[in-house]
Amino acid sequence: MKVSELARHADVTAETVRHYTREGLLHPKRDPDNGYQLFGHADLERLRFIQRARTLGFSVAEIGEILAHADQGDSPCPMVRDLMASRLPQIRARILELQALASRMEQALDAWAEMPDGTPDGHSLCRLIESFPKAPHAHCSPAGEER
């Protein structure tokens, strides 16, 4: 199968197949006549495995480790369990952070409902944001993402 055929069978884009190939998760053979990447049924099963692992929240790097263990004949299952067990508390904490963020956003929208829009005047950029009290423990990263 060529890239587009594999993509169609797995219900992903051709770019997804190319990405996983670049990341070393898929190992196509090369057609000696035209250099096209050729994939077999095992590649389709591997791609489906990658999709399932992504659905469970595993990163591309983690999936690479899982596949490397399997390719060496070792069971990756203990590592998979450990990764999942360590990740779950982090996910639950992130959910709480996002719920708190949603609550602050709702509070801000309620507070701003009757406030007029203003234009920056050299002292103020946006009175809506400036009027909202800073959370006592909120820390923002340089990219503006709350941590």
C-alpha atoms as a PDB file:
ATOM      1  CA  MET A   1       0.000   0.000   0.000  1.00  0.00           C
ATOM      2  CA  LYS A   2       1.106   3.540  -0.665  1.00  0.00           C
ATOM      3  CA  VAL A   3       0.775   6.323   1.913  1.00  0.00           C
ATOM      4  CA  SER A   4      -2.663   7.381   0.696  1.00  0.00           C
ATOM      5  CA  GLU A   5      -3.981   3.809   0.726  1.00  0.00           C
ATOM      6  CA  LEU A   6      -2.728   3.167   4.245  1.00  0.00           C
ATOM      7  CA  ALA A   7      -4.253   6.453   5.373  1.00  0.00           C
ATOM      8  CA  ARG A   8      -7.603   5.562   3.834  1.00  0.00           C
ATOM      9  CA  HIS A   9      -7.656   2.096   5.441  1.00  0.00           C
ATOM     10  CA  ALA A  10      -6.814   3.572   8.864  1.00  0.00           C
ATOM     11  CA  ASP A  11      -9.158   6.568   8.454  1.00  0.00           C
ATOM     12  CA  VAL A  12      -6.372   9.123   8.958  1.00  0.00           C
ATOM     13  CA  THR A  13      -4.779  11.689   6.684  1.00  0.00           C
ATOM     14  CA  ALA A  14      -1.764  10.945   4.539  1.00  0.00           C
ATOM     15  CA  GLU A  15       0.084  13.598   6.544  1.00  0.00           C
ATOM     16  CA  THR A  16      -0.591  11.606   9.716  1.00  0.00           C
ATOM     17  CA  VAL A  17       1.030   8.554   8.107  1.00  0.00           C
ATOM     18  CA  ARG A  18       3.999  10.675   6.999  1.00  0.00           C
ATOM     19  CA  HIS A  19       4.319  12.179  10.493  1.00  0.00           C
ATOM     20  CA  TYR A  20       4.413   8.789  12.209  1.00  0.00           C
ATOM     21  CA  THR A  21       6.917   7.592   9.608  1.00  0.00           C
ATOM     22  CA  ARG A  22       9.159  10.627  10.265  1.00  0.00           C
ATOM     23  CA  GLU A  23       8.857   9.956  14.010  1.00  0.00           C
ATOM     24  CA  GLY A  24      10.058   6.394  13.430  1.00  0.00           C
ATOM     25  CA  LEU A  25       6.810   4.698  14.478  1.00  0.00           C
ATOM     26  CA  LEU A  26       6.177   3.246  11.009  1.00  0.00           C
ATOM     27  CA  HIS A  27       8.876   1.591   8.911  1.00  0.00           C
ATOM     28  CA  PRO A  28       7.817   1.429   5.259  1.00  0.00           C
ATOM     29  CA  LYS A  29       9.804  -0.304   2.582  1.00  0.00           C
ATOM     30  CA  ARG A  30      10.839   1.616  -0.538  1.00  0.00           C
ATOM     31  CA  ASP A  31       9.740   0.724  -4.038  1.00  0.00           C
ATOM     32  CA  PRO A  32      13.059   0.283  -5.883  1.00  0.00           C
ATOM     33  CA  ASP A  33      11.589   1.608  -9.143  1.00  0.00           C
ATOM     34  CA  ASN A  34      10.111   4.902  -7.953  1.00  0.00           C
ATOM     35  CA  GLY A  35      11.166   5.309  -4.300  1.00  0.00           C
ATOM     36  CA  TYR A  36       7.579   5.389  -3.034  1.00  0.00           C
ATOM     37  CA  GLN A  37       6.997   4.280   0.528  1.00  0.00           C
ATOM     38  CA  LEU A  38       5.214   0.952   0.648  1.00  0.00           C
ATOM     39  CA  PHE A  39       3.294  -0.322   3.650  1.00  0.00           C
ATOM     40  CA  GLY A  40       1.957  -3.782   4.433  1.00  0.00           C
ATOM     41  CA  HIS A  41      -0.828  -5.170   6.595  1.00  0.00           C
ATOM     42  CA  ALA A  42       1.485  -5.141   9.646  1.00  0.00           C
ATOM     43  CA  ASP A  43       1.918  -1.385   9.160  1.00  0.00           C
ATOM     44  CA  LEU A  44      -1.857  -0.949   9.127  1.00  0.00           C
ATOM     45  CA  GLU A  45      -2.143  -2.864  12.409  1.00  0.00           C
ATOM     46  CA  ARG A  46       0.698  -0.806  13.865  1.00  0.00           C
ATOM     47  CA  LEU A  47      -1.002   2.420  12.775  1.00  0.00           C
ATOM     48  CA  ARG A  48      -4.250   1.298  14.403  1.00  0.00           C
ATOM     49  CA  PHE A  49      -2.300   0.536  17.586  1.00  0.00           C
ATOM     50  CA  ILE A  50      -0.780   4.041  17.477  1.00  0.00           C
ATOM     51  CA  GLN A  51      -4.254   5.545  17.108  1.00  0.00           C
ATOM     52  CA  ARG A  52      -5.542   3.601  20.129  1.00  0.00           C
ATOM     53  CA  ALA A  53      -2.535   4.637  22.195  1.00  0.00           C
ATOM     54  CA  ARG A  54      -3.040   8.303  21.211  1.00  0.00           C
ATOM     55  CA  THR A  55      -6.698   7.987  22.262  1.00  0.00           C
ATOM     56  CA  LEU A  56      -5.479   6.901  25.698  1.00  0.00           C
ATOM     57  CA  GLY A  57      -3.289  10.004  25.934  1.00  0.00           C
ATOM     58  CA  PHE A  58       0.118   8.530  25.178  1.00  0.00           C
ATOM     59  CA  SER A  59       2.570  10.883  23.501  1.00  0.00           C
ATOM     60  CA  VAL A  60       4.328  10.021  20.256  1.00  0.00           C
ATOM     61  CA  ALA A  61       7.572   9.569  22.225  1.00  0.00           C
ATOM     62  CA  GLU A  62       5.894   7.226  24.697  1.00  0.00           C
ATOM     63  CA  ILE A  63       4.349   5.228  21.870  1.00  0.00           C
ATOM     64  CA  GLY A  64       7.819   4.965  20.344  1.00  0.00           C
ATOM     65  CA  GLU A  65       9.094   3.465  23.615  1.00  0.00           C
ATOM     66  CA  ILE A  66       6.160   1.062  23.789  1.00  0.00           C
ATOM     67  CA  LEU A  67       6.727  -0.070  20.210  1.00  0.00           C
ATOM     68  CA  ALA A  68      10.477  -0.421  20.788  1.00  0.00           C
ATOM     69  CA  HIS A  69       9.833  -2.788  23.698  1.00  0.00           C
ATOM     70  CA  ALA A  70       7.407  -4.809  21.595  1.00  0.00           C
ATOM     71  CA  ASP A  71       9.795  -4.858  18.612  1.00  0.00           C
ATOM     72  CA  GLN A  72      12.504  -6.292  20.877  1.00  0.00           C
ATOM     73  CA  GLY A  73      10.132  -9.037  22.030  1.00  0.00           C
ATOM     74  CA  ASP A  74       9.639  -7.533  25.494  1.00  0.00           C
ATOM     75  CA  SER A  75       6.203  -6.913  26.915  1.00  0.00           C
ATOM     76  CA  PRO A  76       5.542  -3.172  27.138  1.00  0.00           C
ATOM     77  CA  CYS A  77       2.490  -3.758  29.327  1.00  0.00           C
ATOM     78  CA  PRO A  78       4.180  -3.047  32.703  1.00  0.00           C
ATOM     79  CA  MET A  79       5.509   0.237  31.330  1.00  0.00           C
ATOM     80  CA  VAL A  80       2.069   1.085  29.901  1.00  0.00           C
ATOM     81  CA  ARG A  81       0.448   0.475  33.299  1.00  0.00           C
ATOM     82  CA  ASP A  82       3.082   2.606  35.069  1.00  0.00           C
ATOM     83  CA  LEU A  83       2.727   5.462  32.588  1.00  0.00           C
ATOM     84  CA  MET A  84      -1.055   5.410  32.890  1.00  0.00           C
ATOM     85  CA  ALA A  85      -0.964   5.209  36.698  1.00  0.00           C
ATOM     86  CA  SER A  86       1.379   8.208  36.913  1.00  0.00           C
ATOM     87  CA  ARG A  87      -0.546  10.195  34.317  1.00  0.00           C
ATOM     88  CA  LEU A  88      -4.037   9.803  35.774  1.00  0.00           C
ATOM     89  CA  PRO A  89      -3.489  12.004  38.875  1.00  0.00           C
ATOM     90  CA  GLN A  90      -1.961  14.679  36.617  1.00  0.00           C
ATOM     91  CA  ILE A  91      -5.013  14.558  34.347  1.00  0.00           C
ATOM     92  CA  ARG A  92      -7.387  14.809  37.305  1.00  0.00           C
ATOM     93  CA  ALA A  93      -5.455  17.834  38.616  1.00  0.00           C
ATOM     94  CA  ARG A  94      -5.594  19.441  35.163  1.00  0.00           C
ATOM     95  CA  ILE A  95      -9.358  18.886  35.029  1.00  0.00           C
ATOM     96  CA  LEU A  96      -9.719  20.714  38.360  1.00  0.00           C
ATOM     97  CA  GLU A  97      -7.560  23.568  37.030  1.00  0.00           C
ATOM     98  CA  LEU A  98      -9.704  23.814  33.890  1.00  0.00           C
ATOM     99  CA  GLN A  99     -12.917  23.755  35.932  1.00  0.00           C
ATOM    100  CA  ALA A 100     -11.552  26.614  38.054  1.00  0.00           C
ATOM    101  CA  LEU A 101     -10.609  28.493  34.871  1.00  0.00           C
ATOM    102  CA  ALA A 102     -14.103  27.987  33.442  1.00  0.00           C
ATOM    103  CA  SER A 103     -15.582  29.318  36.681  1.00  0.00           C
ATOM    104  CA  ARG A 104     -13.363  32.441  36.554  1.00  0.00           C
ATOM    105  CA  MET A 105     -14.331  32.985  32.919  1.00  0.00           C
ATOM    106  CA  GLU A 106     -18.031  32.747  33.798  1.00  0.00           C
ATOM    107  CA  GLN A 107     -17.523  35.216  36.668  1.00  0.00           C
ATOM    108  CA  ALA A 108     -15.719  37.612  34.353  1.00  0.00           C
ATOM    109  CA  LEU A 109     -18.440  37.434  31.691  1.00  0.00           C
ATOM    110  CA  ASP A 110     -21.122  38.064  34.331  1.00  0.00           C
ATOM    111  CA  ALA A 111     -19.182  41.015  35.759  1.00  0.00           C
ATOM    112  CA  TRP A 112     -18.543  42.455  32.305  1.00  0.00           C
ATOM    113  CA  ALA A 113     -22.122  42.144  31.061  1.00  0.00           C
ATOM    114  CA  GLU A 114     -22.990  45.739  31.916  1.00  0.00           C
ATOM    115  CA  MET A 115     -19.550  47.318  31.515  1.00  0.00           C
ATOM    116  CA  PRO A 116     -18.899  49.493  28.476  1.00  0.00           C
ATOM    117  CA  ASP A 117     -16.134  48.763  26.009  1.00  0.00           C
ATOM    118  CA  GLY A 118     -13.282  51.220  26.218  1.00  0.00           C
ATOM    119  CA  THR A 119     -10.372  52.155  24.044  1.00  0.00           C
ATOM    120  CA  PRO A 120      -6.772  52.062  25.241  1.00  0.00           C
ATOM    121  CA  ASP A 121      -5.851  55.489  26.599  1.00  0.00           C
ATOM    122  CA  GLY A 122      -2.257  55.076  27.697  1.00  0.00           C
ATOM    123  CA  HIS A 123      -3.285  54.160  31.238  1.00  0.00           C
ATOM    124  CA  SER A 124      -5.541  51.260  30.423  1.00  0.00           C
ATOM    125  CA  LEU A 125      -5.380  48.516  27.820  1.00  0.00           C
ATOM    126  CA  CYS A 126      -8.664  46.763  28.441  1.00  0.00           C
ATOM    127  CA  ARG A 127     -10.729  47.795  31.428  1.00  0.00           C
ATOM    128  CA  LEU A 128     -12.596  44.512  31.371  1.00  0.00           C
ATOM    129  CA  ILE A 129      -9.485  42.487  32.182  1.00  0.00           C
ATOM    130  CA  GLU A 130      -8.057  45.174  34.441  1.00  0.00           C
ATOM    131  CA  SER A 131     -11.258  45.225  36.501  1.00  0.00           C
ATOM    132  CA  PHE A 132     -11.085  41.512  37.205  1.00  0.00           C
ATOM    133  CA  PRO A 133      -9.322  40.666  40.487  1.00  0.00           C
ATOM    134  CA  LYS A 134      -6.136  38.667  40.214  1.00  0.00           C
ATOM    135  CA  ALA A 135      -6.405  35.200  41.705  1.00  0.00           C
ATOM    136  CA  PRO A 136      -4.133  34.935  44.755  1.00  0.00           C
ATOM    137  CA  HIS A 137      -2.356  31.790  43.519  1.00  0.00           C
ATOM    138  CA  ALA A 138      -2.641  32.021  39.744  1.00  0.00           C
ATOM    139  CA  HIS A 139       0.657  31.900  37.923  1.00  0.00           C
ATOM    140  CA  CYS A 140       0.952  32.361  34.213  1.00  0.00           C
ATOM    141  CA  SER A 141       3.662  31.031  31.991  1.00  0.00           C
ATOM    142  CA  PRO A 142       5.256  33.330  29.406  1.00  0.00           C
ATOM    143  CA  ALA A 143       2.948  31.855  26.788  1.00  0.00           C
ATOM    144  CA  GLY A 144      -0.027  32.952  28.875  1.00  0.00           C
ATOM    145  CA  GLU A 145      -1.055  29.471  29.884  1.00  0.00           C
ATOM    146  CA  GLU A 146      -2.070  29.130  33.463  1.00  0.00           C
ATOM    147  CA  ARG A 147      -0.085  26.654  35.523  1.00  0.00           C
END
